[in-house]
Amino acid sequence: MKAVVYKGPFSVAVEEVEKPGIQHPDDVIVRVTSTAICGSDLHMYEGRTAAEPGIVFGHENMGIVDEVGHGVTGLEKGDRVVMPFNVACGFCRNCAAGYTGYCTTVNPGFAGGAYGYVSMGPWQGGQAEYLRVPYADFNCLKLPRGDAHERDFILLADIFPTGYHGCELADVRPGESVAVYGAGPVGLMAAYSALLRGAKKVFVVDRVPERLQKAEEIGAVPVDFSAGDPVEQIRDQTGGEGTDKGVDAVGYQATAGASGEEEPATVLNSLVNTVRPTGALGVPGLYVPSDPGGPDEQAKQGMLLVAIGRLFEKGLRIGTGQCNVKRYNRFLRDLIIEGRAKPSFVVSHELPLSEAPSGYDKFDKRIEGYTKVILHP
């Protein structure tokens, strides 16, 4: 089968790899119809992780069940499904508590598994024609048959639930103001989710014009940090108080000012200063144990200089961690089906799998309006 294979920093290729087969009675094989390029894929693509050449990328996947293991009871061939990027068993202590992003079964020695991602277990990615899904009754979310909402449903694999998770971590409530740092796909989903949850005003901080425009189109207030201190810009629009809540949808590759130089802690520190005393921060943005490409020795070891004293002084609460997709994907699916949510506004490009190398290059360089890319095998 054809698959997107990592070759080395800034290089992927579409190559022939072995088609996956049933390895356990609980497996299904899914014929992939849509798979997306994620911002976290770029961390591997740019050579900032320990990913070895040969890994098949792709943790945002949906498609049609093609083969069914004899232990699977809730799925049959022909079912249309979307899979959380979290690979989870469903029965370990964390899964039973709803923390499927931290499954202790699927990736021994590490809490959490994912398709096609370095350090996240042996699970081949889905930027390919077929994908093996373990613990399939647990990991597959059924969708209406046909091809309706394809561009919306694929976002249930990761970025829509992850954006919503950022708002959940920050405990965003109706009538509140929210600052979202980052207008990439997850940031836009966080802003959209805040609005779905009834926020009265949502500020979105970025410097890419196309992304800020998308934020404005959904009813958020765009804040261009290259034009001035975003903290001051937001304070000016909130009577000097700041926002009730804040979401970090950037993570460790944050940049500051017009220079574009990396300052990994800048978003966290800006949020500490943006959110009013006794507010809360949600941090779904990715921070890693080590960053070989970090700007200094501390960052390379995953250690940042964060204004913890100021956070304490203001009585701020903070929630962090990757999204437990299964906690949200079912009701978000139903919002899509009922016409209450349409997250596909974030999709900028749809490409055949054969054009994945070009898609990666342009998405990484943030050119030609690339914000979210869907690949179709």
Foldseek 3Di string as FASTA:
>chain_A
DWFWWAAAALDIATDDDDQDDDDDLLKWKFQWFKFWDDPVVNCVNRVFDPDDTGATATQQTWGFTCGHRNNHDPDDGGWTWTFAQWQAQCDDPCNVVLNSQQHCPQQPPGGIAGARDPSRHDAGHDLGRMGMHGSCNPGIDTDDPDCPLVLPLSCLNAQLLLLLQQCVQQVQAAAWEEEEEDLFSNSLSVLLNSVLRHYPAYEYEDAQVLSQVLSVVSPHHYDHQQVHPSLVVQCVVVVNAATQEYEYQAAQQDAHYPVRDGQRQVVQQSRLSRHGQLGEGGYQHDQDCATCPDPDPCNRRRHHDHPVVSSVVSNYYYDYDHGSSVVPSPVSSVCVVVVNDRSSSQQDEEEESNCVSVLSNCCSVCPPVHRMYMYGD
